[in-house]
N, C-alpha and C. Protein backbone atom coordinates (compact mmCIF):
# COMPACT_ATOMS: atom_id res chain seq x y z
N MET A 1 -2.78 24.82 -27.24
CA MET A 1 -3.30 23.67 -27.98
C MET A 1 -3.70 22.57 -27.00
N LYS A 2 -4.87 21.93 -27.23
CA LYS A 2 -5.31 20.86 -26.35
C LYS A 2 -4.42 19.63 -26.53
N PRO A 3 -4.24 18.84 -25.45
CA PRO A 3 -3.55 17.57 -25.60
C PRO A 3 -4.26 16.70 -26.61
N ARG A 4 -3.50 15.79 -27.23
CA ARG A 4 -4.07 14.95 -28.27
C ARG A 4 -5.31 14.19 -27.79
N ALA A 5 -5.23 13.60 -26.57
CA ALA A 5 -6.36 12.83 -26.05
C ALA A 5 -7.58 13.71 -25.88
N ALA A 6 -7.38 14.96 -25.37
CA ALA A 6 -8.50 15.86 -25.17
C ALA A 6 -9.12 16.28 -26.50
N ARG A 7 -8.26 16.54 -27.52
CA ARG A 7 -8.78 16.93 -28.83
C ARG A 7 -9.65 15.83 -29.39
N ARG A 8 -9.17 14.57 -29.25
CA ARG A 8 -9.93 13.46 -29.81
C ARG A 8 -11.26 13.29 -29.11
N ALA A 9 -11.26 13.43 -27.77
CA ALA A 9 -12.49 13.27 -27.01
C ALA A 9 -13.51 14.33 -27.38
N SER A 10 -13.05 15.54 -27.70
CA SER A 10 -13.98 16.63 -27.95
C SER A 10 -14.46 16.67 -29.39
N THR A 11 -13.83 15.95 -30.30
CA THR A 11 -14.20 16.07 -31.70
C THR A 11 -14.94 14.86 -32.23
N ALA A 12 -14.85 13.70 -31.58
CA ALA A 12 -15.50 12.52 -32.12
C ALA A 12 -15.89 11.59 -30.99
N PRO A 13 -17.17 11.17 -30.95
CA PRO A 13 -17.56 10.21 -29.93
C PRO A 13 -16.91 8.86 -30.21
N GLU A 14 -16.68 8.08 -29.18
CA GLU A 14 -16.11 6.75 -29.37
C GLU A 14 -16.79 5.79 -28.41
N THR A 15 -16.76 4.54 -28.75
CA THR A 15 -17.40 3.54 -27.91
C THR A 15 -16.48 3.14 -26.77
N CYS A 16 -17.09 2.74 -25.67
CA CYS A 16 -16.29 2.24 -24.56
C CYS A 16 -15.53 0.99 -24.97
N ALA A 17 -16.15 0.16 -25.81
CA ALA A 17 -15.48 -1.07 -26.23
C ALA A 17 -14.19 -0.75 -26.99
N GLY A 18 -14.25 0.22 -27.89
CA GLY A 18 -13.04 0.60 -28.63
C GLY A 18 -11.99 1.20 -27.73
N LEU A 19 -12.42 2.03 -26.79
CA LEU A 19 -11.48 2.64 -25.86
C LEU A 19 -10.85 1.58 -24.96
N LEU A 20 -11.64 0.65 -24.48
CA LEU A 20 -11.09 -0.41 -23.64
C LEU A 20 -10.07 -1.25 -24.38
N ALA A 21 -10.30 -1.49 -25.66
CA ALA A 21 -9.34 -2.25 -26.45
C ALA A 21 -8.02 -1.49 -26.57
N GLU A 22 -8.10 -0.18 -26.78
CA GLU A 22 -6.88 0.63 -26.86
C GLU A 22 -6.14 0.64 -25.53
N ILE A 23 -6.89 0.78 -24.43
CA ILE A 23 -6.26 0.79 -23.11
C ILE A 23 -5.57 -0.55 -22.85
N ALA A 24 -6.23 -1.65 -23.19
CA ALA A 24 -5.65 -2.97 -22.96
C ALA A 24 -4.33 -3.15 -23.71
N ALA A 25 -4.20 -2.47 -24.85
CA ALA A 25 -2.99 -2.60 -25.66
C ALA A 25 -1.92 -1.56 -25.31
N CYS A 26 -2.20 -0.69 -24.34
CA CYS A 26 -1.28 0.40 -24.03
C CYS A 26 0.04 -0.13 -23.46
N ARG A 27 1.13 0.44 -23.93
CA ARG A 27 2.47 0.10 -23.44
C ARG A 27 3.27 1.37 -23.12
N ALA A 28 2.56 2.46 -22.82
CA ALA A 28 3.21 3.75 -22.65
C ALA A 28 4.26 3.74 -21.55
N CYS A 29 4.02 3.01 -20.48
CA CYS A 29 4.97 3.01 -19.36
C CYS A 29 5.62 1.66 -19.14
N ALA A 30 5.58 0.80 -20.16
CA ALA A 30 6.06 -0.58 -20.00
C ALA A 30 7.49 -0.65 -19.49
N ARG A 31 8.35 0.24 -19.94
CA ARG A 31 9.76 0.15 -19.55
C ARG A 31 9.98 0.52 -18.09
N HIS A 32 8.97 1.13 -17.46
CA HIS A 32 9.10 1.53 -16.06
C HIS A 32 8.50 0.51 -15.09
N LEU A 33 7.86 -0.51 -15.61
CA LEU A 33 7.15 -1.47 -14.76
C LEU A 33 7.99 -2.72 -14.51
N PRO A 34 7.80 -3.35 -13.35
CA PRO A 34 8.54 -4.58 -13.06
C PRO A 34 7.86 -5.82 -13.63
N HIS A 35 6.88 -5.63 -14.51
CA HIS A 35 6.08 -6.73 -15.05
C HIS A 35 5.49 -6.26 -16.36
N ASP A 36 4.84 -7.16 -17.09
CA ASP A 36 4.14 -6.75 -18.30
C ASP A 36 2.94 -5.88 -17.92
N PRO A 37 2.63 -4.87 -18.72
CA PRO A 37 1.46 -4.03 -18.42
C PRO A 37 0.17 -4.86 -18.39
N ARG A 38 -0.67 -4.55 -17.43
CA ARG A 38 -2.01 -5.14 -17.36
C ARG A 38 -2.97 -4.07 -16.87
N PRO A 39 -3.43 -3.21 -17.77
CA PRO A 39 -4.33 -2.13 -17.35
C PRO A 39 -5.64 -2.68 -16.78
N VAL A 40 -6.08 -2.08 -15.69
CA VAL A 40 -7.31 -2.51 -15.02
C VAL A 40 -8.25 -1.32 -14.94
N VAL A 41 -9.32 -1.35 -15.74
CA VAL A 41 -10.34 -0.30 -15.73
C VAL A 41 -11.70 -0.97 -15.90
N GLN A 42 -12.76 -0.21 -15.62
CA GLN A 42 -14.13 -0.69 -15.81
C GLN A 42 -14.94 0.45 -16.39
N LEU A 43 -15.48 0.26 -17.58
CA LEU A 43 -16.18 1.33 -18.29
C LEU A 43 -17.43 0.80 -18.98
N ALA A 44 -18.48 1.60 -18.97
CA ALA A 44 -19.66 1.40 -19.81
C ALA A 44 -20.38 2.74 -19.88
N PRO A 45 -20.97 3.06 -21.02
CA PRO A 45 -21.56 4.40 -21.17
C PRO A 45 -22.75 4.64 -20.25
N GLU A 46 -23.35 3.59 -19.70
CA GLU A 46 -24.51 3.76 -18.83
C GLU A 46 -24.13 4.07 -17.38
N ALA A 47 -22.87 3.96 -17.02
CA ALA A 47 -22.44 4.08 -15.62
C ALA A 47 -22.88 5.41 -15.02
N ARG A 48 -23.35 5.35 -13.77
CA ARG A 48 -23.80 6.55 -13.05
C ARG A 48 -22.81 6.99 -11.97
N LEU A 49 -21.99 6.05 -11.50
CA LEU A 49 -21.01 6.33 -10.45
C LEU A 49 -19.62 6.06 -11.02
N LEU A 50 -18.70 6.99 -10.79
CA LEU A 50 -17.31 6.83 -11.23
C LEU A 50 -16.40 6.84 -10.02
N ILE A 51 -15.50 5.86 -9.96
CA ILE A 51 -14.52 5.78 -8.88
C ILE A 51 -13.13 6.00 -9.49
N ILE A 52 -12.46 7.07 -9.05
CA ILE A 52 -11.10 7.34 -9.49
C ILE A 52 -10.19 7.10 -8.30
N GLY A 53 -9.45 6.00 -8.34
CA GLY A 53 -8.55 5.64 -7.26
C GLY A 53 -7.10 5.91 -7.63
N GLN A 54 -6.19 5.15 -7.06
CA GLN A 54 -4.76 5.38 -7.28
C GLN A 54 -4.23 4.50 -8.39
N ALA A 55 -3.94 3.24 -8.08
CA ALA A 55 -3.43 2.29 -9.06
C ALA A 55 -3.67 0.90 -8.51
N PRO A 56 -3.75 -0.11 -9.37
CA PRO A 56 -3.95 -1.47 -8.87
C PRO A 56 -2.80 -1.90 -7.97
N GLY A 57 -3.11 -2.72 -6.98
CA GLY A 57 -2.09 -3.37 -6.18
C GLY A 57 -1.70 -4.70 -6.79
N SER A 58 -0.84 -5.43 -6.11
CA SER A 58 -0.35 -6.69 -6.66
C SER A 58 -1.45 -7.72 -6.83
N ARG A 59 -2.41 -7.78 -5.90
CA ARG A 59 -3.50 -8.74 -6.01
C ARG A 59 -4.42 -8.40 -7.18
N VAL A 60 -4.67 -7.11 -7.38
CA VAL A 60 -5.49 -6.70 -8.52
C VAL A 60 -4.74 -6.98 -9.83
N HIS A 61 -3.45 -6.75 -9.84
CA HIS A 61 -2.66 -7.07 -11.04
C HIS A 61 -2.78 -8.56 -11.37
N ALA A 62 -2.77 -9.41 -10.35
CA ALA A 62 -2.85 -10.85 -10.58
C ALA A 62 -4.22 -11.27 -11.10
N SER A 63 -5.27 -10.67 -10.57
CA SER A 63 -6.62 -11.09 -10.96
C SER A 63 -7.17 -10.33 -12.16
N GLY A 64 -6.69 -9.10 -12.36
CA GLY A 64 -7.24 -8.27 -13.42
C GLY A 64 -8.59 -7.65 -13.08
N ILE A 65 -8.98 -7.72 -11.79
CA ILE A 65 -10.28 -7.21 -11.34
C ILE A 65 -10.05 -6.03 -10.40
N ALA A 66 -10.62 -4.89 -10.72
CA ALA A 66 -10.40 -3.68 -9.93
C ALA A 66 -10.85 -3.87 -8.48
N TRP A 67 -10.07 -3.35 -7.55
CA TRP A 67 -10.42 -3.37 -6.12
C TRP A 67 -10.67 -4.78 -5.61
N ASP A 68 -9.98 -5.75 -6.17
CA ASP A 68 -10.16 -7.15 -5.77
C ASP A 68 -9.19 -7.48 -4.63
N ASP A 69 -9.33 -6.77 -3.52
CA ASP A 69 -8.42 -6.94 -2.39
C ASP A 69 -9.10 -6.40 -1.14
N ARG A 70 -8.37 -6.33 -0.03
CA ARG A 70 -8.98 -5.86 1.21
C ARG A 70 -9.38 -4.40 1.14
N SER A 71 -8.62 -3.61 0.38
CA SER A 71 -9.02 -2.21 0.19
C SER A 71 -10.38 -2.13 -0.50
N GLY A 72 -10.59 -3.01 -1.46
CA GLY A 72 -11.89 -3.05 -2.14
C GLY A 72 -13.01 -3.46 -1.21
N ASP A 73 -12.72 -4.41 -0.32
CA ASP A 73 -13.74 -4.81 0.66
C ASP A 73 -14.15 -3.60 1.50
N ARG A 74 -13.16 -2.84 1.94
CA ARG A 74 -13.47 -1.67 2.76
C ARG A 74 -14.19 -0.60 1.96
N LEU A 75 -13.80 -0.38 0.72
CA LEU A 75 -14.48 0.62 -0.11
C LEU A 75 -15.93 0.22 -0.35
N ARG A 76 -16.19 -1.06 -0.58
CA ARG A 76 -17.56 -1.51 -0.75
C ARG A 76 -18.36 -1.30 0.54
N ASP A 77 -17.72 -1.54 1.67
CA ASP A 77 -18.40 -1.28 2.94
C ASP A 77 -18.70 0.21 3.10
N TRP A 78 -17.74 1.05 2.78
CA TRP A 78 -17.96 2.49 2.89
C TRP A 78 -19.13 2.95 2.02
N THR A 79 -19.20 2.44 0.79
CA THR A 79 -20.21 2.90 -0.16
C THR A 79 -21.55 2.19 0.01
N GLY A 80 -21.56 1.07 0.74
CA GLY A 80 -22.78 0.30 0.90
C GLY A 80 -23.15 -0.52 -0.33
N LEU A 81 -22.18 -0.76 -1.21
CA LEU A 81 -22.45 -1.51 -2.44
C LEU A 81 -22.08 -2.98 -2.28
N ASP A 82 -22.93 -3.87 -2.79
CA ASP A 82 -22.56 -5.28 -2.83
C ASP A 82 -21.68 -5.52 -4.06
N ARG A 83 -21.08 -6.70 -4.12
CA ARG A 83 -20.14 -6.99 -5.21
C ARG A 83 -20.82 -6.96 -6.57
N ALA A 84 -22.04 -7.44 -6.64
CA ALA A 84 -22.73 -7.48 -7.94
C ALA A 84 -22.92 -6.07 -8.50
N THR A 85 -23.33 -5.15 -7.66
CA THR A 85 -23.51 -3.77 -8.12
C THR A 85 -22.17 -3.12 -8.41
N PHE A 86 -21.21 -3.32 -7.51
CA PHE A 86 -19.89 -2.71 -7.64
C PHE A 86 -19.22 -3.10 -8.95
N TYR A 87 -19.40 -4.35 -9.37
CA TYR A 87 -18.73 -4.83 -10.58
C TYR A 87 -19.64 -4.84 -11.81
N ASP A 88 -20.73 -4.11 -11.74
CA ASP A 88 -21.60 -3.94 -12.90
C ASP A 88 -21.17 -2.68 -13.64
N PRO A 89 -20.49 -2.81 -14.78
CA PRO A 89 -19.98 -1.61 -15.47
C PRO A 89 -21.09 -0.68 -15.95
N ALA A 90 -22.30 -1.19 -16.08
CA ALA A 90 -23.41 -0.33 -16.48
C ALA A 90 -23.87 0.57 -15.33
N ARG A 91 -23.33 0.33 -14.13
CA ARG A 91 -23.69 1.16 -12.98
C ARG A 91 -22.47 1.89 -12.41
N VAL A 92 -21.34 1.19 -12.34
CA VAL A 92 -20.14 1.75 -11.71
C VAL A 92 -18.96 1.69 -12.67
N ALA A 93 -18.33 2.82 -12.92
CA ALA A 93 -17.10 2.87 -13.72
C ALA A 93 -15.91 3.07 -12.79
N MET A 94 -14.75 2.52 -13.19
CA MET A 94 -13.54 2.63 -12.39
C MET A 94 -12.39 3.03 -13.30
N VAL A 95 -11.83 4.20 -13.03
CA VAL A 95 -10.75 4.76 -13.84
C VAL A 95 -9.66 5.24 -12.89
N PRO A 96 -8.70 4.40 -12.54
CA PRO A 96 -7.67 4.83 -11.58
C PRO A 96 -6.72 5.84 -12.19
N MET A 97 -5.94 6.48 -11.33
CA MET A 97 -4.94 7.43 -11.80
C MET A 97 -3.85 6.73 -12.60
N GLY A 98 -3.53 5.52 -12.22
CA GLY A 98 -2.62 4.67 -12.98
C GLY A 98 -3.30 3.35 -13.25
N PHE A 99 -3.30 2.90 -14.49
CA PHE A 99 -4.07 1.71 -14.84
C PHE A 99 -3.34 0.41 -14.51
N CYS A 100 -2.02 0.45 -14.36
CA CYS A 100 -1.23 -0.76 -14.12
C CYS A 100 -0.58 -0.70 -12.74
N TYR A 101 -0.35 -1.87 -12.17
CA TYR A 101 0.36 -1.95 -10.90
C TYR A 101 1.77 -1.38 -11.07
N PRO A 102 2.13 -0.36 -10.29
CA PRO A 102 3.42 0.31 -10.49
C PRO A 102 4.60 -0.39 -9.85
N GLY A 103 4.34 -1.40 -9.02
CA GLY A 103 5.43 -2.08 -8.33
C GLY A 103 5.55 -1.66 -6.89
N LYS A 104 6.42 -2.33 -6.18
CA LYS A 104 6.58 -2.12 -4.75
C LYS A 104 7.71 -1.14 -4.49
N GLY A 105 7.45 -0.19 -3.56
CA GLY A 105 8.47 0.73 -3.09
C GLY A 105 9.06 0.24 -1.79
N PRO A 106 9.86 1.06 -1.12
CA PRO A 106 10.52 0.66 0.13
C PRO A 106 9.54 0.27 1.24
N SER A 107 8.40 0.99 1.33
CA SER A 107 7.47 0.71 2.42
C SER A 107 6.03 0.53 1.96
N ALA A 108 5.76 0.76 0.70
CA ALA A 108 4.40 0.63 0.16
C ALA A 108 4.49 0.55 -1.35
N ASP A 109 3.36 0.39 -2.00
CA ASP A 109 3.36 0.41 -3.46
C ASP A 109 3.84 1.77 -3.97
N LEU A 110 4.49 1.76 -5.11
CA LEU A 110 4.91 3.01 -5.73
C LEU A 110 3.69 3.83 -6.15
N PRO A 111 3.83 5.14 -6.33
CA PRO A 111 2.69 5.95 -6.77
C PRO A 111 2.28 5.59 -8.19
N PRO A 112 1.08 5.98 -8.59
CA PRO A 112 0.63 5.70 -9.96
C PRO A 112 1.59 6.27 -10.98
N ARG A 113 1.78 5.55 -12.08
CA ARG A 113 2.61 6.08 -13.15
C ARG A 113 1.99 7.36 -13.69
N PRO A 114 2.79 8.40 -13.96
CA PRO A 114 2.24 9.69 -14.38
C PRO A 114 1.75 9.72 -15.81
N GLU A 115 2.03 8.69 -16.60
CA GLU A 115 1.62 8.71 -18.01
C GLU A 115 0.11 8.53 -18.19
N CYS A 116 -0.51 7.76 -17.29
CA CYS A 116 -1.88 7.31 -17.53
C CYS A 116 -2.91 8.44 -17.61
N ALA A 117 -2.97 9.23 -16.57
CA ALA A 117 -4.05 10.22 -16.50
C ALA A 117 -4.03 11.20 -17.68
N PRO A 118 -2.88 11.81 -18.03
CA PRO A 118 -2.89 12.71 -19.19
C PRO A 118 -3.24 12.00 -20.49
N LEU A 119 -2.88 10.73 -20.58
CA LEU A 119 -3.09 10.01 -21.83
C LEU A 119 -4.53 9.53 -22.00
N TRP A 120 -5.17 9.12 -20.91
CA TRP A 120 -6.43 8.40 -21.03
C TRP A 120 -7.64 9.05 -20.34
N HIS A 121 -7.45 9.84 -19.31
CA HIS A 121 -8.61 10.25 -18.52
C HIS A 121 -9.63 11.08 -19.30
N ALA A 122 -9.19 12.01 -20.12
CA ALA A 122 -10.14 12.83 -20.86
C ALA A 122 -11.03 11.97 -21.74
N ARG A 123 -10.44 11.00 -22.39
CA ARG A 123 -11.22 10.12 -23.26
C ARG A 123 -12.15 9.22 -22.44
N ALA A 124 -11.65 8.70 -21.34
CA ALA A 124 -12.49 7.83 -20.51
C ALA A 124 -13.69 8.59 -19.96
N LEU A 125 -13.46 9.79 -19.45
CA LEU A 125 -14.57 10.56 -18.89
C LEU A 125 -15.56 10.99 -19.97
N ALA A 126 -15.06 11.28 -21.17
CA ALA A 126 -15.95 11.64 -22.27
C ALA A 126 -16.84 10.46 -22.68
N ALA A 127 -16.37 9.25 -22.42
CA ALA A 127 -17.15 8.06 -22.76
C ALA A 127 -18.14 7.68 -21.66
N LEU A 128 -18.23 8.51 -20.61
CA LEU A 128 -19.12 8.24 -19.48
C LEU A 128 -20.10 9.41 -19.31
N PRO A 129 -21.01 9.61 -20.23
CA PRO A 129 -21.84 10.81 -20.22
C PRO A 129 -22.90 10.84 -19.12
N ARG A 130 -23.17 9.70 -18.47
CA ARG A 130 -24.28 9.64 -17.52
C ARG A 130 -23.80 9.65 -16.06
N VAL A 131 -22.52 9.82 -15.84
CA VAL A 131 -22.01 9.81 -14.46
C VAL A 131 -22.59 10.97 -13.67
N ARG A 132 -23.11 10.66 -12.48
CA ARG A 132 -23.71 11.66 -11.61
C ARG A 132 -22.80 12.03 -10.43
N LEU A 133 -21.94 11.10 -10.03
CA LEU A 133 -21.09 11.33 -8.88
C LEU A 133 -19.75 10.66 -9.11
N THR A 134 -18.67 11.35 -8.79
CA THR A 134 -17.32 10.81 -8.92
C THR A 134 -16.67 10.77 -7.55
N LEU A 135 -16.24 9.59 -7.13
CA LEU A 135 -15.52 9.42 -5.88
C LEU A 135 -14.03 9.57 -6.15
N LEU A 136 -13.39 10.51 -5.49
CA LEU A 136 -11.95 10.74 -5.63
C LEU A 136 -11.26 10.07 -4.45
N VAL A 137 -10.73 8.88 -4.70
CA VAL A 137 -10.20 8.04 -3.62
C VAL A 137 -8.69 8.22 -3.53
N GLY A 138 -8.26 8.93 -2.50
CA GLY A 138 -6.84 9.15 -2.30
C GLY A 138 -6.36 10.49 -2.82
N SER A 139 -5.19 10.90 -2.35
CA SER A 139 -4.69 12.25 -2.63
C SER A 139 -4.29 12.45 -4.09
N HIS A 140 -3.87 11.40 -4.80
CA HIS A 140 -3.48 11.57 -6.20
C HIS A 140 -4.67 12.02 -7.04
N ALA A 141 -5.81 11.36 -6.87
CA ALA A 141 -7.01 11.75 -7.61
C ALA A 141 -7.49 13.13 -7.18
N GLN A 142 -7.40 13.42 -5.90
CA GLN A 142 -7.88 14.72 -5.40
C GLN A 142 -7.05 15.87 -5.93
N ARG A 143 -5.73 15.69 -5.99
CA ARG A 143 -4.89 16.77 -6.52
C ARG A 143 -5.17 17.02 -7.99
N ARG A 144 -5.42 15.97 -8.75
CA ARG A 144 -5.66 16.18 -10.18
C ARG A 144 -7.00 16.85 -10.44
N TYR A 145 -8.03 16.45 -9.71
CA TYR A 145 -9.37 16.92 -10.05
C TYR A 145 -9.86 18.09 -9.19
N LEU A 146 -9.24 18.32 -8.06
CA LEU A 146 -9.64 19.45 -7.23
C LEU A 146 -8.62 20.57 -7.24
N GLY A 147 -7.39 20.29 -7.65
CA GLY A 147 -6.37 21.32 -7.70
C GLY A 147 -6.13 21.95 -6.33
N ALA A 148 -6.13 23.27 -6.30
CA ALA A 148 -5.84 23.99 -5.06
C ALA A 148 -6.91 23.77 -4.00
N LYS A 149 -8.11 23.37 -4.41
CA LYS A 149 -9.17 23.12 -3.44
C LYS A 149 -8.89 21.90 -2.58
N ALA A 150 -8.03 21.02 -3.05
CA ALA A 150 -7.82 19.77 -2.34
C ALA A 150 -7.18 19.98 -0.98
N GLY A 151 -6.11 20.78 -0.92
CA GLY A 151 -5.37 20.91 0.32
C GLY A 151 -4.80 19.56 0.73
N THR A 152 -4.76 19.28 2.03
CA THR A 152 -4.34 17.96 2.47
C THR A 152 -5.49 16.98 2.25
N LEU A 153 -5.20 15.69 2.34
CA LEU A 153 -6.25 14.70 2.20
C LEU A 153 -7.32 14.91 3.26
N THR A 154 -6.91 15.16 4.49
CA THR A 154 -7.87 15.39 5.56
C THR A 154 -8.74 16.60 5.26
N ASP A 155 -8.15 17.68 4.76
CA ASP A 155 -8.92 18.87 4.39
C ASP A 155 -9.95 18.53 3.31
N ALA A 156 -9.50 17.79 2.29
CA ALA A 156 -10.39 17.48 1.17
C ALA A 156 -11.58 16.66 1.64
N VAL A 157 -11.33 15.68 2.49
CA VAL A 157 -12.43 14.82 2.96
C VAL A 157 -13.34 15.58 3.92
N ARG A 158 -12.76 16.36 4.83
CA ARG A 158 -13.57 17.11 5.78
C ARG A 158 -14.47 18.13 5.07
N ASN A 159 -13.95 18.74 4.01
CA ASN A 159 -14.68 19.78 3.28
C ASN A 159 -15.34 19.24 2.02
N TYR A 160 -15.74 17.98 2.05
CA TYR A 160 -16.26 17.34 0.83
C TYR A 160 -17.49 18.05 0.27
N ARG A 161 -18.27 18.67 1.12
CA ARG A 161 -19.48 19.34 0.63
C ARG A 161 -19.14 20.50 -0.31
N ASP A 162 -17.92 21.04 -0.21
CA ASP A 162 -17.53 22.17 -1.06
C ASP A 162 -17.41 21.78 -2.53
N VAL A 163 -17.24 20.49 -2.82
CA VAL A 163 -17.05 20.07 -4.21
C VAL A 163 -18.19 19.19 -4.72
N LEU A 164 -19.23 19.04 -3.90
CA LEU A 164 -20.44 18.39 -4.36
C LEU A 164 -21.19 19.32 -5.33
N PRO A 165 -22.03 18.82 -6.22
CA PRO A 165 -22.45 17.42 -6.35
C PRO A 165 -21.59 16.57 -7.27
N ASP A 166 -20.56 17.16 -7.87
CA ASP A 166 -19.79 16.40 -8.86
C ASP A 166 -18.83 15.40 -8.22
N PHE A 167 -18.13 15.82 -7.17
CA PHE A 167 -17.07 15.01 -6.58
C PHE A 167 -17.35 14.74 -5.10
N LEU A 168 -16.79 13.60 -4.63
CA LEU A 168 -16.80 13.33 -3.20
C LEU A 168 -15.44 12.70 -2.86
N PRO A 169 -14.57 13.44 -2.17
CA PRO A 169 -13.23 12.94 -1.84
C PRO A 169 -13.27 11.94 -0.68
N LEU A 170 -12.45 10.90 -0.78
CA LEU A 170 -12.33 9.88 0.26
C LEU A 170 -10.87 9.55 0.51
N PRO A 171 -10.54 9.11 1.71
CA PRO A 171 -9.19 8.57 1.92
C PRO A 171 -9.07 7.23 1.19
N HIS A 172 -7.85 6.80 0.95
CA HIS A 172 -7.70 5.47 0.36
C HIS A 172 -8.07 4.42 1.41
N PRO A 173 -8.85 3.42 1.04
CA PRO A 173 -9.35 2.46 2.04
C PRO A 173 -8.37 1.33 2.36
N SER A 174 -7.09 1.61 2.40
CA SER A 174 -6.11 0.61 2.76
C SER A 174 -6.10 0.42 4.27
N TRP A 175 -5.29 -0.51 4.76
CA TRP A 175 -5.19 -0.73 6.20
C TRP A 175 -4.72 0.53 6.93
N ARG A 176 -3.97 1.38 6.22
CA ARG A 176 -3.48 2.61 6.85
C ARG A 176 -4.63 3.54 7.25
N SER A 177 -5.77 3.44 6.56
CA SER A 177 -6.88 4.33 6.88
C SER A 177 -7.51 4.02 8.24
N THR A 178 -7.23 2.82 8.79
CA THR A 178 -7.77 2.49 10.11
C THR A 178 -7.29 3.49 11.15
N PHE A 179 -6.01 3.77 11.16
CA PHE A 179 -5.45 4.74 12.10
C PHE A 179 -6.00 6.13 11.83
N TRP A 180 -6.10 6.50 10.54
CA TRP A 180 -6.63 7.82 10.17
C TRP A 180 -8.06 7.97 10.67
N MET A 181 -8.87 6.93 10.55
CA MET A 181 -10.26 7.00 10.98
C MET A 181 -10.36 7.15 12.49
N ARG A 182 -9.44 6.53 13.21
CA ARG A 182 -9.45 6.70 14.66
C ARG A 182 -9.14 8.14 15.05
N GLN A 183 -8.28 8.77 14.29
CA GLN A 183 -7.95 10.17 14.56
C GLN A 183 -9.06 11.13 14.15
N HIS A 184 -9.91 10.70 13.20
CA HIS A 184 -10.94 11.58 12.65
C HIS A 184 -12.29 10.87 12.69
N PRO A 185 -12.87 10.73 13.88
CA PRO A 185 -14.12 9.98 14.01
C PRO A 185 -15.30 10.59 13.25
N TRP A 186 -15.21 11.87 12.88
CA TRP A 186 -16.26 12.50 12.10
C TRP A 186 -16.45 11.84 10.73
N PHE A 187 -15.39 11.18 10.22
CA PHE A 187 -15.51 10.54 8.91
C PHE A 187 -16.56 9.42 8.96
N GLU A 188 -16.44 8.56 9.94
CA GLU A 188 -17.38 7.45 10.06
C GLU A 188 -18.76 7.93 10.51
N ALA A 189 -18.79 8.94 11.37
CA ALA A 189 -20.06 9.41 11.92
C ALA A 189 -20.86 10.25 10.92
N ASP A 190 -20.16 11.09 10.15
CA ASP A 190 -20.84 12.07 9.30
C ASP A 190 -20.70 11.80 7.80
N VAL A 191 -19.47 11.51 7.37
CA VAL A 191 -19.22 11.40 5.93
C VAL A 191 -19.79 10.10 5.37
N LEU A 192 -19.54 8.97 6.03
CA LEU A 192 -19.97 7.69 5.46
C LEU A 192 -21.48 7.58 5.27
N PRO A 193 -22.30 8.00 6.24
CA PRO A 193 -23.74 7.93 5.97
C PRO A 193 -24.17 8.78 4.77
N ASP A 194 -23.57 9.96 4.63
CA ASP A 194 -23.90 10.82 3.49
C ASP A 194 -23.37 10.20 2.20
N LEU A 195 -22.19 9.61 2.24
CA LEU A 195 -21.64 8.93 1.08
C LEU A 195 -22.60 7.86 0.59
N ARG A 196 -23.09 7.02 1.49
CA ARG A 196 -23.99 5.93 1.09
C ARG A 196 -25.27 6.47 0.49
N ARG A 197 -25.81 7.53 1.07
CA ARG A 197 -27.03 8.12 0.51
C ARG A 197 -26.79 8.65 -0.90
N ARG A 198 -25.65 9.31 -1.08
CA ARG A 198 -25.38 9.92 -2.39
C ARG A 198 -25.06 8.86 -3.44
N VAL A 199 -24.39 7.79 -3.05
CA VAL A 199 -24.13 6.69 -3.98
C VAL A 199 -25.45 6.07 -4.44
N GLN A 200 -26.35 5.81 -3.50
CA GLN A 200 -27.64 5.24 -3.88
C GLN A 200 -28.43 6.19 -4.76
N ALA A 201 -28.36 7.47 -4.47
CA ALA A 201 -29.07 8.45 -5.31
C ALA A 201 -28.50 8.49 -6.73
N ALA A 202 -27.19 8.41 -6.83
CA ALA A 202 -26.56 8.42 -8.15
C ALA A 202 -26.95 7.21 -8.98
N LEU A 203 -27.11 6.07 -8.32
CA LEU A 203 -27.40 4.83 -9.03
C LEU A 203 -28.89 4.63 -9.28
N SER A 204 -29.74 5.39 -8.59
CA SER A 204 -31.18 5.17 -8.71
C SER A 204 -31.70 5.68 -10.06
């Protein structure tokens, strides 16, 4: 039997506005959060590019704006998108693995809450019929959408052509990726130029 969210997505179309209202009211993981839920997503049926990341950080939780932090600055640089295009829901959709800031762990933010993706992703993706390219940012998104093809994060990014044209895996653009990029200079030399070309093609 299909999950409830998947059944609903496959049997009746719904508007992004209605879905966003439901997401905003979601309290599925409220008891696990160190704060009130504040889901952060960006959806419109016209969107051509979809970004599936991990979960909002503390700064994004405070502002309510996806990727409104240094990681977002780096992701915009990687993709070649200016802020106006990046935050235009009619062009770019953002559906993280966890919609709310999960809180701080011992050395980094906690992983995305596991409730979000099974509950919401099928419906969110069904409401985005025009998406041409999906960026899988970080290992959580890659494991869910690539399964056994993902391997390690480095494997997924190095072998990104294997999952085109639908997906393009990326490392998470946090400060930690600086060291990773130094270890893997092919990412900046080969992957980023192709990423920018494909992003522009998807949005054109």
